[in-house]
Amino acid sequence: MTKTVAVTKAITSLIDVETKLDLHRTQQDDFFPEWRDDLPSLTEEEKKTLDRLKARYEYHRYYGPLAEGAVNLLLISPLLELAGFYEPPFQIRAEESVALRVEVGEEILNGRIDFLVVHHQLWVVVVESKRSTTDLELAIPQTLTYMMAAAERHTSASPSSQKPLYGLITTGGLFCFLKLSAQGHRQYDFSDTFSLLPRKNKLFEVLEILKKISQLITI
């Protein structure tokens, strides 16, 4: 008998991702070079804007944790605009519901996506941070689940498509990028974590990676 299970309950760890989705973290160093190799350079104006964004975030964060909506307003929306994701040919959708049938047993995982989907290939999720890196780590398995569902739908609609999917998970103060490929062996990997705690502005690297991904998904 088919039963419906919430994603937040069924997928809570990377072992769940591996056993229920047959999706494994790659051991290949060259699987996800997009977050570190041949990144586009930033203009001085972009760097000044990122310095303002960092200072603005730190000011508001100084008074306590920020809700998801505040992080979107202070950081995510400006970053996506700087990366060019609000211009053609990109399309942005928000809060899409996804149903996924997994291979183990007769389960259908239903959940609500509280993040943006850009051009069917970039998934951006904002996590309300209460426990530092813990929230970021907990968000990775569930984000991979939604990305895997999207990859399977896209492959069914267009079997010749070979493009990977990318994800960005952030608490506002921490950023991590994901890459998923559903072609052949189902594989994923993630980038280093970029923190806004150091004086050196890591938003520079975050924007460089976003610009790199924008170049790749329009090819």
N, C-alpha and C. Protein backbone atom coordinates (compact mmCIF):
# COMPACT_ATOMS: atom_id res chain seq x y z
N MET A 1 0.85 -1.20 0.00
CA MET A 1 0.00 0.00 0.00
C MET A 1 0.88 1.24 0.00
N THR A 2 0.60 2.16 -0.90
CA THR A 2 1.38 3.38 -1.01
C THR A 2 1.09 4.31 0.15
N LYS A 3 2.15 4.87 0.74
CA LYS A 3 1.96 5.85 1.81
C LYS A 3 2.73 7.11 1.46
N THR A 4 2.23 8.23 1.97
CA THR A 4 2.85 9.52 1.72
C THR A 4 3.66 9.93 2.94
N VAL A 5 4.91 10.34 2.69
CA VAL A 5 5.82 10.70 3.77
C VAL A 5 6.40 12.07 3.49
N ALA A 6 6.44 12.94 4.48
CA ALA A 6 7.03 14.26 4.31
C ALA A 6 8.53 14.14 4.08
N VAL A 7 9.05 14.94 3.16
CA VAL A 7 10.48 14.91 2.87
C VAL A 7 11.30 15.19 4.12
N THR A 8 10.82 16.13 4.94
CA THR A 8 11.56 16.51 6.14
C THR A 8 11.70 15.36 7.13
N LYS A 9 10.81 14.36 7.02
CA LYS A 9 10.90 13.20 7.90
C LYS A 9 11.60 12.02 7.24
N ALA A 10 11.45 11.89 5.92
CA ALA A 10 12.00 10.74 5.21
C ALA A 10 13.46 10.92 4.83
N ILE A 11 13.86 12.17 4.54
CA ILE A 11 15.23 12.44 4.12
C ILE A 11 15.84 13.41 5.12
N THR A 12 16.61 12.89 6.05
CA THR A 12 17.20 13.74 7.10
C THR A 12 18.71 13.66 7.15
N SER A 13 19.30 12.81 6.31
CA SER A 13 20.76 12.62 6.35
C SER A 13 21.25 12.21 4.97
N LEU A 14 22.56 12.26 4.79
CA LEU A 14 23.14 11.85 3.51
C LEU A 14 23.01 10.34 3.29
N ILE A 15 22.94 9.55 4.35
CA ILE A 15 22.73 8.11 4.17
C ILE A 15 21.33 7.85 3.60
N ASP A 16 20.35 8.68 3.99
CA ASP A 16 19.01 8.58 3.40
C ASP A 16 19.06 8.90 1.91
N VAL A 17 19.82 9.93 1.55
CA VAL A 17 19.97 10.30 0.14
C VAL A 17 20.56 9.13 -0.66
N GLU A 18 21.56 8.48 -0.10
CA GLU A 18 22.23 7.39 -0.82
C GLU A 18 21.35 6.15 -0.94
N THR A 19 20.68 5.77 0.14
CA THR A 19 19.92 4.53 0.12
C THR A 19 18.57 4.68 -0.56
N LYS A 20 17.91 5.84 -0.42
CA LYS A 20 16.58 6.00 -0.98
C LYS A 20 16.58 6.58 -2.39
N LEU A 21 17.59 7.34 -2.71
CA LEU A 21 17.64 7.97 -4.03
C LEU A 21 18.73 7.39 -4.93
N ASP A 22 19.53 6.49 -4.40
CA ASP A 22 20.66 5.94 -5.15
C ASP A 22 21.54 7.06 -5.70
N LEU A 23 21.78 8.06 -4.85
CA LEU A 23 22.58 9.23 -5.22
C LEU A 23 23.80 9.27 -4.29
N HIS A 24 24.99 9.34 -4.88
CA HIS A 24 26.21 9.19 -4.09
C HIS A 24 27.16 10.36 -4.31
N ARG A 25 27.86 10.72 -3.24
CA ARG A 25 28.85 11.78 -3.37
C ARG A 25 30.04 11.24 -4.17
N THR A 26 30.43 11.98 -5.20
CA THR A 26 31.51 11.55 -6.06
C THR A 26 32.86 11.58 -5.36
N GLN A 27 33.76 10.75 -5.81
CA GLN A 27 35.14 10.76 -5.33
C GLN A 27 36.07 11.43 -6.35
N GLN A 28 35.50 11.98 -7.41
CA GLN A 28 36.29 12.60 -8.47
C GLN A 28 36.55 14.07 -8.16
N ASP A 29 37.82 14.44 -8.15
CA ASP A 29 38.17 15.83 -7.85
C ASP A 29 37.69 16.80 -8.94
N ASP A 30 37.52 16.29 -10.16
CA ASP A 30 37.15 17.16 -11.28
C ASP A 30 35.65 17.18 -11.54
N PHE A 31 34.85 16.65 -10.63
CA PHE A 31 33.40 16.62 -10.83
C PHE A 31 32.78 18.01 -10.71
N PHE A 32 33.29 18.82 -9.77
CA PHE A 32 32.67 20.12 -9.49
C PHE A 32 33.73 21.23 -9.49
N PRO A 33 34.34 21.48 -10.67
CA PRO A 33 35.35 22.54 -10.74
C PRO A 33 34.74 23.94 -10.83
N GLU A 34 33.42 24.01 -11.04
CA GLU A 34 32.77 25.30 -11.29
C GLU A 34 32.88 26.26 -10.11
N TRP A 35 33.08 25.74 -8.91
CA TRP A 35 33.11 26.65 -7.76
C TRP A 35 34.51 27.17 -7.45
N ARG A 36 35.52 26.69 -8.21
CA ARG A 36 36.89 27.12 -7.89
C ARG A 36 37.77 27.44 -9.10
N ASP A 37 37.42 26.98 -10.30
CA ASP A 37 38.31 27.14 -11.46
C ASP A 37 37.74 28.15 -12.47
N ASP A 38 38.64 28.96 -13.03
CA ASP A 38 38.28 29.88 -14.12
C ASP A 38 37.07 30.74 -13.78
N LEU A 39 37.06 31.29 -12.59
CA LEU A 39 35.95 32.14 -12.18
C LEU A 39 36.06 33.52 -12.82
N PRO A 40 34.94 34.11 -13.19
CA PRO A 40 34.98 35.45 -13.80
C PRO A 40 35.43 36.48 -12.77
N SER A 41 36.08 37.52 -13.24
CA SER A 41 36.54 38.58 -12.35
C SER A 41 35.40 39.55 -12.06
N LEU A 42 35.52 40.25 -10.94
CA LEU A 42 34.50 41.23 -10.55
C LEU A 42 35.02 42.64 -10.83
N THR A 43 34.10 43.52 -11.10
CA THR A 43 34.47 44.92 -11.29
C THR A 43 34.64 45.58 -9.92
N GLU A 44 35.30 46.74 -9.91
CA GLU A 44 35.47 47.46 -8.65
C GLU A 44 34.12 47.91 -8.09
N GLU A 45 33.19 48.24 -8.97
CA GLU A 45 31.86 48.64 -8.53
C GLU A 45 31.14 47.47 -7.87
N GLU A 46 31.26 46.28 -8.45
CA GLU A 46 30.65 45.09 -7.85
C GLU A 46 31.25 44.80 -6.48
N LYS A 47 32.55 44.96 -6.34
CA LYS A 47 33.20 44.73 -5.05
C LYS A 47 32.71 45.72 -4.00
N LYS A 48 32.55 46.98 -4.40
CA LYS A 48 32.04 47.98 -3.47
C LYS A 48 30.61 47.64 -3.04
N THR A 49 29.81 47.17 -3.98
CA THR A 49 28.44 46.79 -3.65
C THR A 49 28.43 45.61 -2.68
N LEU A 50 29.30 44.64 -2.89
CA LEU A 50 29.37 43.48 -2.00
C LEU A 50 29.86 43.87 -0.61
N ASP A 51 30.76 44.82 -0.54
CA ASP A 51 31.20 45.32 0.77
C ASP A 51 30.03 45.97 1.51
N ARG A 52 29.19 46.71 0.79
CA ARG A 52 28.02 47.32 1.41
C ARG A 52 27.03 46.26 1.88
N LEU A 53 26.84 45.21 1.07
CA LEU A 53 25.92 44.14 1.44
C LEU A 53 26.40 43.42 2.70
N LYS A 54 27.70 43.16 2.77
CA LYS A 54 28.25 42.49 3.95
C LYS A 54 28.07 43.36 5.19
N ALA A 55 28.40 44.65 5.08
CA ALA A 55 28.26 45.56 6.21
C ALA A 55 26.80 45.67 6.64
N ARG A 56 25.89 45.71 5.69
CA ARG A 56 24.47 45.81 5.99
C ARG A 56 23.98 44.56 6.72
N TYR A 57 24.41 43.38 6.22
CA TYR A 57 24.02 42.13 6.87
C TYR A 57 24.56 42.07 8.30
N GLU A 58 25.83 42.43 8.48
CA GLU A 58 26.43 42.38 9.81
C GLU A 58 25.73 43.32 10.78
N TYR A 59 25.31 44.48 10.30
CA TYR A 59 24.60 45.43 11.15
C TYR A 59 23.29 44.83 11.66
N HIS A 60 22.50 44.26 10.75
CA HIS A 60 21.21 43.70 11.16
C HIS A 60 21.37 42.41 11.96
N ARG A 61 22.37 41.61 11.61
CA ARG A 61 22.60 40.34 12.32
C ARG A 61 23.11 40.58 13.74
N TYR A 62 23.73 41.72 13.98
CA TYR A 62 24.27 42.08 15.29
C TYR A 62 23.19 42.07 16.37
N TYR A 63 21.95 42.34 15.97
CA TYR A 63 20.85 42.45 16.94
C TYR A 63 20.09 41.14 17.11
N GLY A 64 20.53 40.09 16.44
CA GLY A 64 19.89 38.79 16.63
C GLY A 64 19.71 38.05 15.31
N PRO A 65 19.25 36.78 15.38
CA PRO A 65 19.04 35.97 14.16
C PRO A 65 18.07 36.64 13.22
N LEU A 66 18.29 36.43 11.92
CA LEU A 66 17.44 37.03 10.89
C LEU A 66 16.52 35.98 10.30
N ALA A 67 15.27 36.35 10.07
CA ALA A 67 14.32 35.45 9.42
C ALA A 67 14.68 35.29 7.95
N GLU A 68 14.11 34.26 7.34
CA GLU A 68 14.38 33.95 5.94
C GLU A 68 14.10 35.14 5.02
N GLY A 69 12.97 35.82 5.26
CA GLY A 69 12.61 36.95 4.41
C GLY A 69 13.62 38.08 4.48
N ALA A 70 14.16 38.32 5.67
CA ALA A 70 15.16 39.39 5.83
C ALA A 70 16.44 39.04 5.09
N VAL A 71 16.87 37.77 5.16
CA VAL A 71 18.08 37.34 4.46
C VAL A 71 17.88 37.47 2.95
N ASN A 72 16.69 37.11 2.48
CA ASN A 72 16.40 37.27 1.05
C ASN A 72 16.53 38.73 0.62
N LEU A 73 15.99 39.63 1.44
CA LEU A 73 16.02 41.05 1.11
C LEU A 73 17.42 41.63 1.17
N LEU A 74 18.17 41.27 2.22
CA LEU A 74 19.48 41.87 2.45
C LEU A 74 20.57 41.30 1.55
N LEU A 75 20.49 40.01 1.23
CA LEU A 75 21.61 39.36 0.53
C LEU A 75 21.22 38.65 -0.77
N ILE A 76 20.24 37.75 -0.70
CA ILE A 76 20.00 36.86 -1.83
C ILE A 76 19.51 37.60 -3.06
N SER A 77 18.51 38.44 -2.90
CA SER A 77 18.00 39.19 -4.05
C SER A 77 19.08 40.07 -4.69
N PRO A 78 19.86 40.84 -3.90
CA PRO A 78 20.93 41.63 -4.51
C PRO A 78 21.99 40.77 -5.21
N LEU A 79 22.33 39.62 -4.62
CA LEU A 79 23.33 38.75 -5.24
C LEU A 79 22.84 38.20 -6.58
N LEU A 80 21.58 37.75 -6.62
CA LEU A 80 21.03 37.23 -7.86
C LEU A 80 20.95 38.31 -8.93
N GLU A 81 20.66 39.54 -8.51
CA GLU A 81 20.62 40.65 -9.47
C GLU A 81 22.01 40.94 -10.02
N LEU A 82 23.01 40.98 -9.13
CA LEU A 82 24.38 41.23 -9.57
C LEU A 82 24.87 40.14 -10.53
N ALA A 83 24.42 38.90 -10.31
CA ALA A 83 24.83 37.79 -11.17
C ALA A 83 24.05 37.75 -12.48
N GLY A 84 23.05 38.62 -12.62
CA GLY A 84 22.30 38.71 -13.87
C GLY A 84 21.13 37.78 -13.98
N PHE A 85 20.70 37.16 -12.87
CA PHE A 85 19.65 36.15 -12.94
C PHE A 85 18.24 36.74 -13.08
N TYR A 86 18.10 38.04 -12.98
CA TYR A 86 16.78 38.65 -13.15
C TYR A 86 16.54 39.11 -14.59
N GLU A 87 17.52 38.90 -15.46
CA GLU A 87 17.42 39.33 -16.85
C GLU A 87 17.19 38.12 -17.75
N PRO A 88 16.60 38.32 -18.96
CA PRO A 88 16.47 37.24 -19.93
C PRO A 88 17.85 36.65 -20.24
N PRO A 89 17.97 35.33 -20.45
CA PRO A 89 16.86 34.37 -20.62
C PRO A 89 16.43 33.68 -19.33
N PHE A 90 16.90 34.15 -18.18
CA PHE A 90 16.59 33.46 -16.93
C PHE A 90 15.15 33.67 -16.51
N GLN A 91 14.60 32.62 -15.89
CA GLN A 91 13.25 32.66 -15.33
C GLN A 91 13.34 32.18 -13.88
N ILE A 92 12.63 32.85 -12.98
CA ILE A 92 12.67 32.50 -11.57
C ILE A 92 11.28 32.11 -11.10
N ARG A 93 11.22 30.97 -10.39
CA ARG A 93 9.97 30.52 -9.77
C ARG A 93 10.23 30.36 -8.27
N ALA A 94 9.17 30.50 -7.48
CA ALA A 94 9.33 30.39 -6.03
C ALA A 94 8.33 29.40 -5.45
N GLU A 95 8.77 28.71 -4.39
CA GLU A 95 7.92 27.85 -3.58
C GLU A 95 7.11 26.87 -4.41
N GLU A 96 7.78 25.98 -5.07
CA GLU A 96 7.12 24.98 -5.90
C GLU A 96 6.99 23.68 -5.11
N SER A 97 5.83 23.01 -5.21
CA SER A 97 5.64 21.73 -4.53
C SER A 97 6.11 20.59 -5.43
N VAL A 98 6.79 19.62 -4.84
CA VAL A 98 7.35 18.51 -5.60
C VAL A 98 6.94 17.19 -4.97
N ALA A 99 6.50 16.23 -5.78
CA ALA A 99 6.25 14.88 -5.31
C ALA A 99 7.30 13.96 -5.94
N LEU A 100 7.88 13.10 -5.13
CA LEU A 100 8.94 12.23 -5.61
C LEU A 100 8.67 10.80 -5.17
N ARG A 101 8.70 9.83 -6.08
CA ARG A 101 8.58 8.41 -5.74
C ARG A 101 9.98 7.81 -5.64
N VAL A 102 10.30 7.27 -4.50
CA VAL A 102 11.63 6.69 -4.29
C VAL A 102 11.60 5.20 -4.60
N GLU A 103 12.76 4.60 -4.73
CA GLU A 103 12.88 3.22 -5.14
C GLU A 103 12.72 2.21 -4.00
N VAL A 104 12.88 2.66 -2.74
CA VAL A 104 12.82 1.76 -1.60
C VAL A 104 11.39 1.69 -1.09
N GLY A 105 10.74 0.53 -1.21
CA GLY A 105 9.37 0.41 -0.74
C GLY A 105 8.41 1.16 -1.63
N GLU A 106 7.25 1.47 -1.08
CA GLU A 106 6.21 2.20 -1.80
C GLU A 106 5.97 3.52 -1.09
N GLU A 107 6.90 4.43 -1.23
CA GLU A 107 6.79 5.73 -0.59
C GLU A 107 6.73 6.84 -1.64
N ILE A 108 5.91 7.81 -1.37
CA ILE A 108 5.92 9.05 -2.15
C ILE A 108 6.30 10.17 -1.19
N LEU A 109 7.39 10.86 -1.49
CA LEU A 109 7.84 11.94 -0.62
C LEU A 109 7.25 13.25 -1.10
N ASN A 110 6.43 13.86 -0.27
CA ASN A 110 5.85 15.14 -0.61
C ASN A 110 6.44 16.23 0.25
N GLY A 111 6.73 17.38 -0.34
CA GLY A 111 7.27 18.47 0.44
C GLY A 111 7.10 19.78 -0.28
N ARG A 112 7.30 20.86 0.43
CA ARG A 112 7.18 22.19 -0.15
C ARG A 112 8.56 22.82 -0.22
N ILE A 113 8.89 23.33 -1.38
CA ILE A 113 10.17 23.98 -1.59
C ILE A 113 10.03 25.46 -1.25
N ASP A 114 10.75 25.89 -0.25
CA ASP A 114 10.70 27.30 0.14
C ASP A 114 11.91 28.04 -0.40
N PHE A 115 12.20 27.83 -1.67
CA PHE A 115 13.34 28.51 -2.27
C PHE A 115 13.10 28.75 -3.75
N LEU A 116 14.01 29.47 -4.34
CA LEU A 116 13.87 29.88 -5.73
C LEU A 116 14.47 28.85 -6.68
N VAL A 117 13.84 28.69 -7.83
CA VAL A 117 14.37 27.84 -8.89
C VAL A 117 14.65 28.73 -10.09
N VAL A 118 15.90 28.78 -10.51
CA VAL A 118 16.30 29.66 -11.60
C VAL A 118 16.57 28.83 -12.86
N HIS A 119 15.76 29.06 -13.87
CA HIS A 119 16.00 28.47 -15.19
C HIS A 119 16.05 26.95 -15.14
N HIS A 120 15.33 26.33 -14.20
CA HIS A 120 15.26 24.88 -14.02
C HIS A 120 16.60 24.26 -13.59
N GLN A 121 17.63 25.07 -13.38
CA GLN A 121 18.95 24.47 -13.13
C GLN A 121 19.66 24.97 -11.88
N LEU A 122 19.22 26.06 -11.31
CA LEU A 122 19.85 26.57 -10.09
C LEU A 122 18.80 26.68 -9.00
N TRP A 123 19.04 25.99 -7.87
CA TRP A 123 18.11 25.96 -6.76
C TRP A 123 18.72 26.74 -5.60
N VAL A 124 18.00 27.74 -5.11
CA VAL A 124 18.51 28.62 -4.05
C VAL A 124 17.61 28.47 -2.83
N VAL A 125 18.18 28.02 -1.71
CA VAL A 125 17.38 27.83 -0.49
C VAL A 125 18.00 28.64 0.64
N VAL A 126 17.14 29.35 1.36
CA VAL A 126 17.58 30.13 2.52
C VAL A 126 17.09 29.43 3.78
N VAL A 127 18.01 29.13 4.68
CA VAL A 127 17.70 28.42 5.92
C VAL A 127 17.75 29.41 7.07
N GLU A 128 16.72 29.43 7.89
CA GLU A 128 16.75 30.29 9.07
C GLU A 128 17.70 29.69 10.09
N SER A 129 18.80 30.36 10.34
CA SER A 129 19.88 29.80 11.15
C SER A 129 19.63 30.02 12.64
N LYS A 130 19.63 28.92 13.37
CA LYS A 130 19.54 28.99 14.83
C LYS A 130 20.68 28.25 15.50
N ARG A 131 21.32 27.35 14.74
CA ARG A 131 22.36 26.52 15.34
C ARG A 131 23.62 26.50 14.48
N SER A 132 24.02 27.63 13.97
CA SER A 132 25.25 27.77 13.18
C SER A 132 25.24 26.83 11.99
N THR A 133 26.34 26.05 11.80
CA THR A 133 26.45 25.21 10.61
C THR A 133 25.46 24.06 10.61
N THR A 134 24.86 23.72 11.76
CA THR A 134 23.95 22.57 11.82
C THR A 134 22.81 22.72 10.82
N ASP A 135 22.22 23.91 10.75
CA ASP A 135 21.10 24.13 9.84
C ASP A 135 21.51 23.92 8.39
N LEU A 136 22.69 24.38 8.04
CA LEU A 136 23.19 24.23 6.68
C LEU A 136 23.36 22.76 6.35
N GLU A 137 23.92 22.00 7.26
CA GLU A 137 24.15 20.58 7.03
C GLU A 137 22.84 19.81 6.90
N LEU A 138 21.85 20.18 7.71
CA LEU A 138 20.56 19.51 7.63
C LEU A 138 19.83 19.82 6.33
N ALA A 139 20.09 20.98 5.76
CA ALA A 139 19.40 21.38 4.53
C ALA A 139 19.94 20.66 3.30
N ILE A 140 21.18 20.18 3.34
CA ILE A 140 21.80 19.56 2.16
C ILE A 140 21.04 18.32 1.70
N PRO A 141 20.72 17.34 2.56
CA PRO A 141 20.00 16.16 2.08
C PRO A 141 18.66 16.48 1.44
N GLN A 142 17.89 17.39 2.05
CA GLN A 142 16.57 17.70 1.51
C GLN A 142 16.67 18.48 0.20
N THR A 143 17.65 19.37 0.11
CA THR A 143 17.84 20.10 -1.15
C THR A 143 18.23 19.14 -2.28
N LEU A 144 19.11 18.18 -1.98
CA LEU A 144 19.48 17.17 -2.97
C LEU A 144 18.26 16.36 -3.42
N THR A 145 17.35 16.08 -2.49
CA THR A 145 16.14 15.34 -2.82
C THR A 145 15.29 16.09 -3.84
N TYR A 146 15.06 17.37 -3.59
CA TYR A 146 14.27 18.18 -4.52
C TYR A 146 14.98 18.32 -5.87
N MET A 147 16.29 18.50 -5.83
CA MET A 147 17.05 18.61 -7.07
C MET A 147 16.97 17.32 -7.88
N MET A 148 17.03 16.17 -7.17
CA MET A 148 16.94 14.87 -7.84
C MET A 148 15.58 14.70 -8.49
N ALA A 149 14.52 15.12 -7.79
CA ALA A 149 13.17 15.05 -8.36
C ALA A 149 13.08 15.89 -9.62
N ALA A 150 13.66 17.09 -9.58
CA ALA A 150 13.64 17.97 -10.75
C ALA A 150 14.44 17.36 -11.89
N ALA A 151 15.59 16.76 -11.58
CA ALA A 151 16.42 16.15 -12.61
C ALA A 151 15.68 15.01 -13.30
N GLU A 152 14.96 14.20 -12.53
CA GLU A 152 14.23 13.09 -13.11
C GLU A 152 13.08 13.57 -13.99
N ARG A 153 12.38 14.62 -13.55
CA ARG A 153 11.30 15.18 -14.36
C ARG A 153 11.84 15.75 -15.67
N HIS A 154 12.95 16.47 -15.57
CA HIS A 154 13.52 17.11 -16.75
C HIS A 154 14.05 16.06 -17.73
N THR A 155 14.66 14.98 -17.21
CA THR A 155 15.17 13.92 -18.07
C THR A 155 14.03 13.19 -18.77
N SER A 156 12.91 12.99 -18.06
CA SER A 156 11.75 12.33 -18.67
C SER A 156 11.18 13.17 -19.81
N ALA A 157 11.16 14.50 -19.60
CA ALA A 157 10.62 15.40 -20.62
C ALA A 157 11.58 15.57 -21.78
N SER A 158 12.89 15.52 -21.49
CA SER A 158 13.91 15.73 -22.51
C SER A 158 15.06 14.76 -22.28
N PRO A 159 14.93 13.49 -22.74
CA PRO A 159 15.92 12.46 -22.46
C PRO A 159 17.33 12.79 -22.93
N SER A 160 17.46 13.68 -23.91
CA SER A 160 18.79 13.99 -24.44
C SER A 160 19.53 15.01 -23.58
N SER A 161 18.84 15.59 -22.60
CA SER A 161 19.46 16.62 -21.76
C SER A 161 20.54 16.02 -20.87
N GLN A 162 21.73 16.62 -20.87
CA GLN A 162 22.85 16.13 -20.08
C GLN A 162 23.29 17.15 -19.04
N LYS A 163 22.56 18.23 -18.88
CA LYS A 163 23.03 19.30 -18.02
C LYS A 163 22.87 18.96 -16.55
N PRO A 164 23.86 19.29 -15.72
CA PRO A 164 23.74 19.09 -14.28
C PRO A 164 22.88 20.17 -13.65
N LEU A 165 22.52 19.95 -12.39
CA LEU A 165 21.81 20.96 -11.61
C LEU A 165 22.74 21.51 -10.54
N TYR A 166 22.49 22.76 -10.16
CA TYR A 166 23.30 23.41 -9.13
C TYR A 166 22.38 23.90 -8.01
N GLY A 167 22.95 24.00 -6.82
CA GLY A 167 22.20 24.50 -5.68
C GLY A 167 23.04 25.47 -4.88
N LEU A 168 22.37 26.40 -4.22
CA LEU A 168 23.02 27.30 -3.27
C LEU A 168 22.20 27.29 -2.00
N ILE A 169 22.83 26.87 -0.90
CA ILE A 169 22.18 26.87 0.41
C ILE A 169 22.86 27.93 1.26
N THR A 170 22.06 28.75 1.93
CA THR A 170 22.65 29.81 2.76
C THR A 170 21.82 30.06 4.00
N THR A 171 22.50 30.42 5.08
CA THR A 171 21.83 30.91 6.29
C THR A 171 21.93 32.43 6.36
N GLY A 172 22.55 33.02 5.35
CA GLY A 172 22.88 34.44 5.36
C GLY A 172 24.34 34.63 5.72
N GLY A 173 24.77 34.03 6.81
CA GLY A 173 26.17 34.14 7.22
C GLY A 173 27.05 33.05 6.64
N LEU A 174 26.44 31.97 6.13
CA LEU A 174 27.16 30.84 5.54
C LEU A 174 26.57 30.50 4.18
N PHE A 175 27.45 30.13 3.24
CA PHE A 175 27.02 29.76 1.89
C PHE A 175 27.69 28.46 1.47
N CYS A 176 26.94 27.59 0.80
CA CYS A 176 27.50 26.35 0.27
C CYS A 176 26.82 26.03 -1.06
N PHE A 177 27.61 25.67 -2.07
CA PHE A 177 27.10 25.32 -3.39
C PHE A 177 27.06 23.80 -3.57
N LEU A 178 26.06 23.33 -4.33
CA LEU A 178 25.90 21.91 -4.64
C LEU A 178 25.90 21.71 -6.15
N LYS A 179 26.32 20.52 -6.55
CA LYS A 179 26.18 20.12 -7.96
C LYS A 179 25.66 18.69 -7.99
N LEU A 180 24.69 18.42 -8.86
CA LEU A 180 24.10 17.10 -8.99
C LEU A 180 24.02 16.70 -10.45
N SER A 181 24.40 15.47 -10.74
CA SER A 181 24.26 14.92 -12.08
C SER A 181 23.47 13.62 -12.00
N ALA A 182 22.38 13.54 -12.75
CA ALA A 182 21.54 12.33 -12.75
C ALA A 182 21.83 11.44 -13.95
N GLN A 183 22.80 11.81 -14.76
CA GLN A 183 23.14 11.03 -15.94
C GLN A 183 24.11 9.92 -15.58
N GLY A 184 23.81 8.68 -16.01
CA GLY A 184 24.68 7.56 -15.68
C GLY A 184 24.65 7.30 -14.18
N HIS A 185 25.80 7.31 -13.56
CA HIS A 185 25.87 7.17 -12.11
C HIS A 185 25.36 8.47 -11.48
N ARG A 186 24.39 8.35 -10.59
CA ARG A 186 23.85 9.54 -9.93
C ARG A 186 24.87 10.05 -8.91
N GLN A 187 25.35 11.28 -9.13
CA GLN A 187 26.42 11.79 -8.30
C GLN A 187 26.14 13.23 -7.86
N TYR A 188 26.76 13.60 -6.74
CA TYR A 188 26.68 14.98 -6.27
C TYR A 188 27.98 15.32 -5.54
N ASP A 189 28.18 16.59 -5.33
CA ASP A 189 29.27 17.07 -4.49
C ASP A 189 28.92 18.48 -4.04
N PHE A 190 29.64 18.99 -3.05
CA PHE A 190 29.42 20.36 -2.63
C PHE A 190 30.72 21.08 -2.43
N SER A 191 30.64 22.39 -2.42
CA SER A 191 31.81 23.26 -2.36
C SER A 191 32.27 23.43 -0.91
N ASP A 192 33.33 24.19 -0.74
CA ASP A 192 33.68 24.67 0.59
C ASP A 192 32.53 25.55 1.10
N THR A 193 32.53 25.79 2.40
CA THR A 193 31.57 26.72 3.00
C THR A 193 32.17 28.11 3.07
N PHE A 194 31.42 29.10 2.63
CA PHE A 194 31.90 30.48 2.65
C PHE A 194 31.19 31.22 3.79
N SER A 195 31.97 31.77 4.70
CA SER A 195 31.44 32.43 5.89
C SER A 195 31.67 33.94 5.82
N LEU A 196 30.69 34.69 6.34
CA LEU A 196 30.84 36.14 6.40
C LEU A 196 31.50 36.60 7.69
N LEU A 197 31.92 35.68 8.55
CA LEU A 197 32.57 36.05 9.80
C LEU A 197 33.94 36.70 9.60
N PRO A 198 34.79 36.18 8.72
CA PRO A 198 36.11 36.83 8.54
C PRO A 198 35.97 38.26 8.00
N ARG A 199 36.99 39.06 8.23
CA ARG A 199 36.96 40.42 7.68
C ARG A 199 37.03 40.41 6.16
N LYS A 200 37.76 39.44 5.60
CA LYS A 200 37.81 39.31 4.14
C LYS A 200 36.43 38.93 3.63
N ASN A 201 35.94 39.66 2.65
CA ASN A 201 34.57 39.50 2.19
C ASN A 201 34.42 38.29 1.26
N LYS A 202 33.84 37.21 1.78
CA LYS A 202 33.65 35.99 1.00
C LYS A 202 32.51 36.09 0.00
N LEU A 203 31.75 37.20 0.07
CA LEU A 203 30.72 37.40 -0.95
C LEU A 203 31.34 37.58 -2.33
N PHE A 204 32.61 38.00 -2.37
CA PHE A 204 33.30 38.10 -3.66
C PHE A 204 33.29 36.74 -4.34
N GLU A 205 33.68 35.70 -3.59
CA GLU A 205 33.75 34.35 -4.17
C GLU A 205 32.35 33.82 -4.48
N VAL A 206 31.38 34.12 -3.61
CA VAL A 206 30.01 33.66 -3.86
C VAL A 206 29.48 34.24 -5.17
N LEU A 207 29.70 35.53 -5.40
CA LEU A 207 29.23 36.14 -6.64
C LEU A 207 29.98 35.60 -7.85
N GLU A 208 31.28 35.38 -7.72
CA GLU A 208 32.05 34.81 -8.83
C GLU A 208 31.49 33.45 -9.23
N ILE A 209 31.14 32.63 -8.25
CA ILE A 209 30.59 31.30 -8.55
C ILE A 209 29.21 31.42 -9.19
N LEU A 210 28.39 32.32 -8.68
CA LEU A 210 27.07 32.53 -9.29
C LEU A 210 27.20 32.99 -10.75
N LYS A 211 28.15 33.87 -11.01
CA LYS A 211 28.37 34.32 -12.39
C LYS A 211 28.83 33.16 -13.27
N LYS A 212 29.69 32.31 -12.73
CA LYS A 212 30.17 31.14 -13.47
C LYS A 212 29.00 30.21 -13.80
N ILE A 213 28.15 29.95 -12.83
CA ILE A 213 27.00 29.08 -13.06
C ILE A 213 26.05 29.71 -14.08
N SER A 214 25.87 31.02 -14.00
CA SER A 214 24.97 31.68 -14.97
C SER A 214 25.48 31.50 -16.40
N GLN A 215 26.81 31.53 -16.57
CA GLN A 215 27.40 31.31 -17.89
C GLN A 215 27.11 29.89 -18.37
N LEU A 216 27.22 28.92 -17.47
CA LEU A 216 27.10 27.50 -17.84
C LEU A 216 25.67 27.12 -18.18
N ILE A 217 24.69 27.64 -17.43
CA ILE A 217 23.33 27.17 -17.66
C ILE A 217 22.64 27.90 -18.81
N THR A 218 23.32 28.85 -19.43
CA THR A 218 22.75 29.48 -20.62
C THR A 218 23.40 28.95 -21.90
N ILE A 219 24.36 28.05 -21.75
CA ILE A 219 25.02 27.48 -22.93
C ILE A 219 24.06 26.53 -23.64
